[in-house]
PDB file of N, CA and C in Angstrom:
ATOM      1  N   MET A   1      73.322  55.146  86.797  1.00  0.00           N
ATOM      2  CA  MET A   1      73.388  55.162  88.243  1.00  0.00           C
ATOM      3  C   MET A   1      74.571  56.031  88.672  1.00  0.00           C
ATOM      4  N   SER A   2      74.341  56.913  89.609  1.00  0.00           N
ATOM      5  CA  SER A   2      75.398  57.819  90.047  1.00  0.00           C
ATOM      6  C   SER A   2      76.154  57.218  91.225  1.00  0.00           C
ATOM      7  N   SER A   3      77.386  57.664  91.366  1.00  0.00           N
ATOM      8  CA  SER A   3      78.228  57.198  92.466  1.00  0.00           C
ATOM      9  C   SER A   3      78.405  58.336  93.469  1.00  0.00           C
ATOM     10  N   PRO A   4      78.864  58.028  94.672  1.00  0.00           N
ATOM     11  CA  PRO A   4      79.071  59.082  95.672  1.00  0.00           C
ATOM     12  C   PRO A   4      80.078  60.147  95.219  1.00  0.00           C
ATOM     13  N   GLU A   5      81.018  59.762  94.372  1.00  0.00           N
ATOM     14  CA  GLU A   5      81.999  60.724  93.876  1.00  0.00           C
ATOM     15  C   GLU A   5      81.353  61.851  93.082  1.00  0.00           C
ATOM     16  N   ASP A   6      80.193  61.579  92.496  1.00  0.00           N
ATOM     17  CA  ASP A   6      79.487  62.595  91.719  1.00  0.00           C
ATOM     18  C   ASP A   6      78.975  63.748  92.587  1.00  0.00           C
ATOM     19  N   TYR A   7      78.851  63.506  93.885  1.00  0.00           N
ATOM     20  CA  TYR A   7      78.299  64.507  94.791  1.00  0.00           C
ATOM     21  C   TYR A   7      79.360  65.217  95.637  1.00  0.00           C
ATOM     22  N   MET A   8      80.624  64.929  95.378  1.00  0.00           N
ATOM     23  CA  MET A   8      81.693  65.562  96.152  1.00  0.00           C
ATOM     24  C   MET A   8      81.900  67.001  95.700  1.00  0.00           C
ATOM     25  N   LEU A   9      82.225  67.841  96.654  1.00  0.00           N
ATOM     26  CA  LEU A   9      82.480  69.242  96.350  1.00  0.00           C
ATOM     27  C   LEU A   9      83.850  69.394  95.699  1.00  0.00           C
ATOM     28  N   PRO A  10      83.954  70.183  94.647  1.00  0.00           N
ATOM     29  CA  PRO A  10      85.273  70.403  94.048  1.00  0.00           C
ATOM     30  C   PRO A  10      86.094  71.366  94.910  1.00  0.00           C
ATOM     31  N   CYS A  11      87.398  71.220  94.836  1.00  0.00           N
ATOM     32  CA  CYS A  11      88.283  72.119  95.581  1.00  0.00           C
ATOM     33  C   CYS A  11      88.343  73.453  94.842  1.00  0.00           C
ATOM     34  N   LEU A  12      87.909  74.504  95.501  1.00  0.00           N
ATOM     35  CA  LEU A  12      87.906  75.829  94.894  1.00  0.00           C
ATOM     36  C   LEU A  12      89.329  76.303  94.590  1.00  0.00           C
ATOM     37  N   ASN A  13      90.241  76.026  95.498  1.00  0.00           N
ATOM     38  CA  ASN A  13      91.639  76.417  95.304  1.00  0.00           C
ATOM     39  C   ASN A  13      92.231  75.738  94.071  1.00  0.00           C
ATOM     40  N   LYS A  14      91.953  74.443  93.921  1.00  0.00           N
ATOM     41  CA  LYS A  14      92.467  73.700  92.768  1.00  0.00           C
ATOM     42  C   LYS A  14      91.791  74.164  91.473  1.00  0.00           C
ATOM     43  N   THR A  15      90.500  74.482  91.563  1.00  0.00           N
ATOM     44  CA  THR A  15      89.769  74.947  90.389  1.00  0.00           C
ATOM     45  C   THR A  15      90.290  76.305  89.909  1.00  0.00           C
ATOM     46  N   LEU A  16      90.510  77.220  90.851  1.00  0.00           N
ATOM     47  CA  LEU A  16      90.923  78.576  90.487  1.00  0.00           C
ATOM     48  C   LEU A  16      92.415  78.699  90.180  1.00  0.00           C
ATOM     49  N   PHE A  17      93.239  78.031  90.992  1.00  0.00           N
ATOM     50  CA  PHE A  17      94.689  78.242  90.875  1.00  0.00           C
ATOM     51  C   PHE A  17      95.456  77.027  90.382  1.00  0.00           C
ATOM     52  N   GLY A  18      94.806  75.877  90.299  1.00  0.00           N
ATOM     53  CA  GLY A  18      95.471  74.676  89.831  1.00  0.00           C
ATOM     54  C   GLY A  18      96.373  74.023  90.866  1.00  0.00           C
ATOM     55  N   ILE A  19      96.281  74.456  92.116  1.00  0.00           N
ATOM     56  CA  ILE A  19      97.105  73.909  93.185  1.00  0.00           C
ATOM     57  C   ILE A  19      96.187  73.328  94.251  1.00  0.00           C
ATOM     58  N   GLU A  20      96.492  72.109  94.688  1.00  0.00           N
ATOM     59  CA  GLU A  20      95.672  71.502  95.733  1.00  0.00           C
ATOM     60  C   GLU A  20      95.838  72.245  97.049  1.00  0.00           C
ATOM     61  N   CYS A  21      94.788  72.222  97.869  1.00  0.00           N
ATOM     62  CA  CYS A  21      94.845  72.855  99.185  1.00  0.00           C
ATOM     63  C   CYS A  21      95.201  71.810 100.241  1.00  0.00           C
ATOM     64  N   LEU A  22      95.309  72.244 101.487  1.00  0.00           N
ATOM     65  CA  LEU A  22      95.661  71.336 102.580  1.00  0.00           C
ATOM     66  C   LEU A  22      94.565  70.306 102.857  1.00  0.00           C
ATOM     67  N   GLY A  23      93.359  70.587 102.432  1.00  0.00           N
ATOM     68  CA  GLY A  23      92.248  69.676 102.675  1.00  0.00           C
ATOM     69  C   GLY A  23      91.903  68.775 101.510  1.00  0.00           C
ATOM     70  N   CYS A  24      92.604  68.932 100.401  1.00  0.00           N
ATOM     71  CA  CYS A  24      92.309  68.096  99.234  1.00  0.00           C
ATOM     72  C   CYS A  24      92.538  66.625  99.562  1.00  0.00           C
ATOM     73  N   GLY A  25      91.522  65.835  99.326  1.00  0.00           N
ATOM     74  CA  GLY A  25      91.610  64.408  99.559  1.00  0.00           C
ATOM     75  C   GLY A  25      90.800  63.924 100.739  1.00  0.00           C
ATOM     76  N   ILE A  26      90.363  64.833 101.596  1.00  0.00           N
ATOM     77  CA  ILE A  26      89.652  64.396 102.798  1.00  0.00           C
ATOM     78  C   ILE A  26      88.286  63.786 102.464  1.00  0.00           C
ATOM     79  N   GLN A  27      87.610  64.304 101.467  1.00  0.00           N
ATOM     80  CA  GLN A  27      86.322  63.728 101.073  1.00  0.00           C
ATOM     81  C   GLN A  27      86.509  62.329 100.518  1.00  0.00           C
ATOM     82  N   ARG A  28      87.499  62.177  99.630  1.00  0.00           N
ATOM     83  CA  ARG A  28      87.748  60.859  99.047  1.00  0.00           C
ATOM     84  C   ARG A  28      88.209  59.866 100.101  1.00  0.00           C
ATOM     85  N   ALA A  29      89.046  60.328 101.041  1.00  0.00           N
ATOM     86  CA  ALA A  29      89.529  59.450 102.105  1.00  0.00           C
ATOM     87  C   ALA A  29      88.376  59.002 102.997  1.00  0.00           C
ATOM     88  N   THR A  30      87.472  59.906 103.306  1.00  0.00           N
ATOM     89  CA  THR A  30      86.308  59.554 104.123  1.00  0.00           C
ATOM     90  C   THR A  30      85.442  58.521 103.412  1.00  0.00           C
ATOM     91  N   LEU A  31      85.235  58.717 102.139  1.00  0.00           N
ATOM     92  CA  LEU A  31      84.456  57.765 101.353  1.00  0.00           C
ATOM     93  C   LEU A  31      85.145  56.404 101.315  1.00  0.00           C
ATOM     94  N   LEU A  32      86.462  56.398 101.156  1.00  0.00           N
ATOM     95  CA  LEU A  32      87.196  55.134 101.132  1.00  0.00           C
ATOM     96  C   LEU A  32      87.092  54.402 102.470  1.00  0.00           C
ATOM     97  N   ILE A  33      87.120  55.140 103.573  1.00  0.00           N
ATOM     98  CA  ILE A  33      86.948  54.506 104.885  1.00  0.00           C
ATOM     99  C   ILE A  33      85.565  53.864 104.976  1.00  0.00           C
ATOM    100  N   LEU A  34      84.552  54.577 104.520  1.00  0.00           N
ATOM    101  CA  LEU A  34      83.193  54.038 104.551  1.00  0.00           C
ATOM    102  C   LEU A  34      83.051  52.809 103.664  1.00  0.00           C
ATOM    103  N   GLN A  35      83.892  52.703 102.627  1.00  0.00           N
ATOM    104  CA  GLN A  35      83.879  51.542 101.736  1.00  0.00           C
ATOM    105  C   GLN A  35      84.803  50.431 102.227  1.00  0.00           C
ATOM    106  N   GLY A  36      85.531  50.688 103.322  1.00  0.00           N
ATOM    107  CA  GLY A  36      86.416  49.677 103.872  1.00  0.00           C
ATOM    108  C   GLY A  36      87.819  49.674 103.295  1.00  0.00           C
ATOM    109  N   GLU A  37      88.159  50.673 102.523  1.00  0.00           N
ATOM    110  CA  GLU A  37      89.488  50.783 101.907  1.00  0.00           C
ATOM    111  C   GLU A  37      90.388  51.632 102.801  1.00  0.00           C
ATOM    112  N   PHE A  38      90.845  51.053 103.914  1.00  0.00           N
ATOM    113  CA  PHE A  38      91.554  51.811 104.935  1.00  0.00           C
ATOM    114  C   PHE A  38      92.956  52.254 104.512  1.00  0.00           C
ATOM    115  N   ILE A  39      93.674  51.405 103.826  1.00  0.00           N
ATOM    116  CA  ILE A  39      95.029  51.765 103.378  1.00  0.00           C
ATOM    117  C   ILE A  39      94.960  52.825 102.289  1.00  0.00           C
ATOM    118  N   ALA A  40      94.032  52.681 101.362  1.00  0.00           N
ATOM    119  CA  ALA A  40      93.875  53.678 100.294  1.00  0.00           C
ATOM    120  C   ALA A  40      93.487  55.032 100.875  1.00  0.00           C
ATOM    121  N   ALA A  41      92.662  55.028 101.913  1.00  0.00           N
ATOM    122  CA  ALA A  41      92.270  56.285 102.567  1.00  0.00           C
ATOM    123  C   ALA A  41      93.483  56.968 103.172  1.00  0.00           C
ATOM    124  N   PHE A  42      94.346  56.195 103.807  1.00  0.00           N
ATOM    125  CA  PHE A  42      95.563  56.758 104.402  1.00  0.00           C
ATOM    126  C   PHE A  42      96.495  57.308 103.328  1.00  0.00           C
ATOM    127  N   LYS A  43      96.592  56.616 102.212  1.00  0.00           N
ATOM    128  CA  LYS A  43      97.471  57.081 101.126  1.00  0.00           C
ATOM    129  C   LYS A  43      96.977  58.394 100.525  1.00  0.00           C
ATOM    130  N   ILE A  44      95.684  58.572 100.445  1.00  0.00           N
ATOM    131  CA  ILE A  44      95.128  59.797  99.879  1.00  0.00           C
ATOM    132  C   ILE A  44      95.223  60.961 100.861  1.00  0.00           C
ATOM    133  N   TYR A  45      94.920  60.698 102.148  1.00  0.00           N
ATOM    134  CA  TYR A  45      94.928  61.764 103.147  1.00  0.00           C
ATOM    135  C   TYR A  45      95.405  61.188 104.477  1.00  0.00           C
ATOM    136  N   PRO A  46      96.708  61.234 104.747  1.00  0.00           N
ATOM    137  CA  PRO A  46      97.276  60.590 105.932  1.00  0.00           C
ATOM    138  C   PRO A  46      96.702  61.055 107.269  1.00  0.00           C
ATOM    139  N   ALA A  47      96.187  62.248 107.353  1.00  0.00           N
ATOM    140  CA  ALA A  47      95.666  62.753 108.634  1.00  0.00           C
ATOM    141  C   ALA A  47      94.250  62.281 108.928  1.00  0.00           C
ATOM    142  N   ILE A  48      93.664  61.472 108.072  1.00  0.00           N
ATOM    143  CA  ILE A  48      92.266  61.087 108.240  1.00  0.00           C
ATOM    144  C   ILE A  48      92.031  60.364 109.562  1.00  0.00           C
ATOM    145  N   TYR A  49      92.936  59.499 109.954  1.00  0.00           N
ATOM    146  CA  TYR A  49      92.713  58.728 111.178  1.00  0.00           C
ATOM    147  C   TYR A  49      92.916  59.565 112.435  1.00  0.00           C
ATOM    148  N   THR A  50      93.898  60.429 112.433  1.00  0.00           N
ATOM    149  CA  THR A  50      94.082  61.294 113.596  1.00  0.00           C
ATOM    150  C   THR A  50      92.961  62.332 113.683  1.00  0.00           C
ATOM    151  N   LEU A  51      92.405  62.729 112.553  1.00  0.00           N
ATOM    152  CA  LEU A  51      91.247  63.624 112.578  1.00  0.00           C
ATOM    153  C   LEU A  51      90.017  62.914 113.156  1.00  0.00           C
ATOM    154  N   ILE A  52      89.877  61.640 112.852  1.00  0.00           N
ATOM    155  CA  ILE A  52      88.772  60.859 113.419  1.00  0.00           C
ATOM    156  C   ILE A  52      88.946  60.748 114.933  1.00  0.00           C
ATOM    157  N   VAL A  53      90.181  60.470 115.365  1.00  0.00           N
ATOM    158  CA  VAL A  53      90.451  60.385 116.805  1.00  0.00           C
ATOM    159  C   VAL A  53      90.152  61.722 117.483  1.00  0.00           C
ATOM    160  N   LEU A  54      90.603  62.825 116.872  1.00  0.00           N
ATOM    161  CA  LEU A  54      90.332  64.149 117.424  1.00  0.00           C
ATOM    162  C   LEU A  54      88.831  64.418 117.493  1.00  0.00           C
ATOM    163  N   SER A  55      88.115  64.104 116.441  1.00  0.00           N
ATOM    164  CA  SER A  55      86.662  64.326 116.419  1.00  0.00           C
ATOM    165  C   SER A  55      85.954  63.515 117.496  1.00  0.00           C
ATOM    166  N   LEU A  56      86.324  62.247 117.618  1.00  0.00           N
ATOM    167  CA  LEU A  56      85.712  61.401 118.644  1.00  0.00           C
ATOM    168  C   LEU A  56      86.033  61.917 120.044  1.00  0.00           C
ATOM    169  N   PHE A  57      87.266  62.365 120.251  1.00  0.00           N
ATOM    170  CA  PHE A  57      87.643  62.914 121.552  1.00  0.00           C
ATOM    171  C   PHE A  57      86.827  64.160 121.867  1.00  0.00           C
ATOM    172  N   LEU A  58      86.684  65.057 120.886  1.00  0.00           N
ATOM    173  CA  LEU A  58      85.935  66.292 121.117  1.00  0.00           C
ATOM    174  C   LEU A  58      84.465  66.003 121.424  1.00  0.00           C
ATOM    175  N   ILE A  59      83.892  65.054 120.725  1.00  0.00           N
ATOM    176  CA  ILE A  59      82.498  64.691 120.981  1.00  0.00           C
ATOM    177  C   ILE A  59      82.360  64.058 122.363  1.00  0.00           C
ATOM    178  N   PHE A  60      83.247  63.117 122.689  1.00  0.00           N
ATOM    179  CA  PHE A  60      83.202  62.455 123.989  1.00  0.00           C
ATOM    180  C   PHE A  60      83.442  63.456 125.114  1.00  0.00           C
ATOM    181  N   ASN A  61      84.325  64.424 124.864  1.00  0.00           N
ATOM    182  CA  ASN A  61      84.674  65.415 125.869  1.00  0.00           C
ATOM    183  C   ASN A  61      83.520  66.383 126.163  1.00  0.00           C
ATOM    184  N   LEU A  62      82.552  66.468 125.267  1.00  0.00           N
ATOM    185  CA  LEU A  62      81.365  67.278 125.544  1.00  0.00           C
ATOM    186  C   LEU A  62      80.565  66.697 126.704  1.00  0.00           C
ATOM    187  N   PHE A  63      80.610  65.373 126.837  1.00  0.00           N
ATOM    188  CA  PHE A  63      79.811  64.696 127.851  1.00  0.00           C
ATOM    189  C   PHE A  63      80.607  64.302 129.082  1.00  0.00           C
ATOM    190  N   LYS A  64      81.890  64.049 128.900  1.00  0.00           N
ATOM    191  CA  LYS A  64      82.741  63.603 130.005  1.00  0.00           C
ATOM    192  C   LYS A  64      84.009  64.459 130.022  1.00  0.00           C
ATOM    193  N   LYS A  65      84.242  65.141 131.128  1.00  0.00           N
ATOM    194  CA  LYS A  65      85.427  65.992 131.262  1.00  0.00           C
ATOM    195  C   LYS A  65      86.569  65.196 131.878  1.00  0.00           C
ATOM    196  N   PHE A  66      87.774  65.426 131.361  1.00  0.00           N
ATOM    197  CA  PHE A  66      88.971  64.772 131.862  1.00  0.00           C
ATOM    198  C   PHE A  66      89.841  65.792 132.576  1.00  0.00           C
ATOM    199  N   LYS A  67      90.747  65.279 133.389  1.00  0.00           N
ATOM    200  CA  LYS A  67      91.638  66.163 134.130  1.00  0.00           C
ATOM    201  C   LYS A  67      92.549  66.952 133.191  1.00  0.00           C
ATOM    202  N   TYR A  68      93.074  66.296 132.182  1.00  0.00           N
ATOM    203  CA  TYR A  68      94.011  66.940 131.249  1.00  0.00           C
ATOM    204  C   TYR A  68      93.410  67.066 129.845  1.00  0.00           C
ATOM    205  N   ASP A  69      92.115  67.313 129.769  1.00  0.00           N
ATOM    206  CA  ASP A  69      91.469  67.361 128.450  1.00  0.00           C
ATOM    207  C   ASP A  69      92.000  68.471 127.557  1.00  0.00           C
ATOM    208  N   THR A  70      92.374  69.595 128.116  1.00  0.00           N
ATOM    209  CA  THR A  70      92.931  70.695 127.305  1.00  0.00           C
ATOM    210  C   THR A  70      94.265  70.293 126.704  1.00  0.00           C
ATOM    211  N   ASN A  71      95.096  69.634 127.487  1.00  0.00           N
ATOM    212  CA  ASN A  71      96.398  69.185 126.981  1.00  0.00           C
ATOM    213  C   ASN A  71      96.237  68.116 125.898  1.00  0.00           C
ATOM    214  N   ILE A  72      95.305  67.184 126.116  1.00  0.00           N
ATOM    215  CA  ILE A  72      95.057  66.146 125.108  1.00  0.00           C
ATOM    216  C   ILE A  72      94.538  66.777 123.827  1.00  0.00           C
ATOM    217  N   ARG A  73      93.586  67.696 123.956  1.00  0.00           N
ATOM    218  CA  ARG A  73      93.009  68.369 122.792  1.00  0.00           C
ATOM    219  C   ARG A  73      94.085  69.113 122.004  1.00  0.00           C
ATOM    220  N   MET A  74      94.909  69.882 122.707  1.00  0.00           N
ATOM    221  CA  MET A  74      95.957  70.648 122.020  1.00  0.00           C
ATOM    222  C   MET A  74      96.991  69.725 121.386  1.00  0.00           C
ATOM    223  N   GLY A  75      97.319  68.635 122.052  1.00  0.00           N
ATOM    224  CA  GLY A  75      98.258  67.668 121.486  1.00  0.00           C
ATOM    225  C   GLY A  75      97.722  67.056 120.200  1.00  0.00           C
ATOM    226  N   LEU A  76      96.443  66.681 120.209  1.00  0.00           N
ATOM    227  CA  LEU A  76      95.835  66.111 119.005  1.00  0.00           C
ATOM    228  C   LEU A  76      95.752  67.140 117.874  1.00  0.00           C
ATOM    229  N   ILE A  77      95.455  68.381 118.218  1.00  0.00           N
ATOM    230  CA  ILE A  77      95.387  69.432 117.203  1.00  0.00           C
ATOM    231  C   ILE A  77      96.759  69.669 116.582  1.00  0.00           C
ATOM    232  N   VAL A  78      97.783  69.769 117.419  1.00  0.00           N
ATOM    233  CA  VAL A  78      99.151  69.981 116.911  1.00  0.00           C
ATOM    234  C   VAL A  78      99.580  68.793 116.052  1.00  0.00           C
ATOM    235  N   LEU A  79      99.280  67.584 116.503  1.00  0.00           N
ATOM    236  CA  LEU A  79      99.615  66.386 115.728  1.00  0.00           C
ATOM    237  C   LEU A  79      98.939  66.419 114.362  1.00  0.00           C
ATOM    238  N   ASN A  80      97.649  66.760 114.333  1.00  0.00           N
ATOM    239  CA  ASN A  80      96.912  66.821 113.068  1.00  0.00           C
ATOM    240  C   ASN A  80      97.470  67.881 112.130  1.00  0.00           C
ATOM    241  N   VAL A  81      97.735  69.054 112.667  1.00  0.00           N
ATOM    242  CA  VAL A  81      98.279  70.134 111.833  1.00  0.00           C
ATOM    243  C   VAL A  81      99.636  69.724 111.259  1.00  0.00           C
ATOM    244  N   ALA A  82     100.465  69.093 112.084  1.00  0.00           N
ATOM    245  CA  ALA A  82     101.783  68.658 111.615  1.00  0.00           C
ATOM    246  C   ALA A  82     101.656  67.613 110.510  1.00  0.00           C
ATOM    247  N   ILE A  83     100.786  66.634 110.693  1.00  0.00           N
ATOM    248  CA  ILE A  83     100.594  65.604 109.677  1.00  0.00           C
ATOM    249  C   ILE A  83     100.056  66.214 108.390  1.00  0.00           C
ATOM    250  N   ILE A  84      99.096  67.117 108.499  1.00  0.00           N
ATOM    251  CA  ILE A  84      98.513  67.747 107.313  1.00  0.00           C
ATOM    252  C   ILE A  84      99.567  68.545 106.557  1.00  0.00           C
ATOM    253  N   ILE A  85     100.375  69.330 107.252  1.00  0.00           N
ATOM    254  CA  ILE A  85     101.386  70.156 106.590  1.00  0.00           C
ATOM    255  C   ILE A  85     102.478  69.299 105.959  1.00  0.00           C
ATOM    256  N   VAL A  86     102.977  68.319 106.698  1.00  0.00           N
ATOM    257  CA  VAL A  86     104.037  67.457 106.155  1.00  0.00           C
ATOM    258  C   VAL A  86     103.539  66.676 104.944  1.00  0.00           C
ATOM    259  N   SER A  87     102.346  66.094 105.022  1.00  0.00           N
ATOM    260  CA  SER A  87     101.826  65.338 103.881  1.00  0.00           C
ATOM    261  C   SER A  87     101.538  66.253 102.694  1.00  0.00           C
ATOM    262  N   TYR A  88     101.126  67.483 102.953  1.00  0.00           N
ATOM    263  CA  TYR A  88     100.889  68.440 101.864  1.00  0.00           C
ATOM    264  C   TYR A  88     102.209  68.787 101.169  1.00  0.00           C
ATOM    265  N   ILE A  89     103.237  69.033 101.949  1.00  0.00           N
ATOM    266  CA  ILE A  89     104.552  69.347 101.362  1.00  0.00           C
ATOM    267  C   ILE A  89     105.044  68.168 100.527  1.00  0.00           C
ATOM    268  N   ILE A  90     104.891  66.964 101.042  1.00  0.00           N
ATOM    269  CA  ILE A  90     105.304  65.769 100.287  1.00  0.00           C
ATOM    270  C   ILE A  90     104.498  65.657  99.010  1.00  0.00           C
ATOM    271  N   LYS A  91     103.194  65.927  99.085  1.00  0.00           N
ATOM    272  CA  LYS A  91     102.318  65.795  97.913  1.00  0.00           C
ATOM    273  C   LYS A  91     102.676  66.801  96.828  1.00  0.00           C
ATOM    274  N   ILE A  92     102.951  68.055  97.187  1.00  0.00           N
ATOM    275  CA  ILE A  92     103.210  69.068  96.164  1.00  0.00           C
ATOM    276  C   ILE A  92     104.631  68.993  95.613  1.00  0.00           C
ATOM    277  N   THR A  93     105.548  68.317  96.322  1.00  0.00           N
ATOM    278  CA  THR A  93     106.903  68.203  95.804  1.00  0.00           C
ATOM    279  C   THR A  93     107.122  66.962  94.976  1.00  0.00           C
ATOM    280  N   LYS A  94     106.138  66.093  94.889  1.00  0.00           N
ATOM    281  CA  LYS A  94     106.280  64.870  94.068  1.00  0.00           C
ATOM    282  C   LYS A  94     106.152  65.205  92.612  1.00  0.00           C
TER     283      LYS A  94
END
């Protein structure tokens, strides 16, 4: 019997250069969330929850426009990029 991990895409950057990319871990974190392992998902990819919030906001914003939707969108994007970069730096320096 196969598991969902068997169908995950390998990281091309890690395969070719041996170094993880900024997105390494997002597939595993998503799978862990679907399995109910919320803390483990955060440990693997800390930006997973803010990415979910950003995705939900973008989808909701397609149907309902807000007064400051551009500012909220840019704030969430900057927050996500900052979390991804900081967690990546922490991961590669360990």
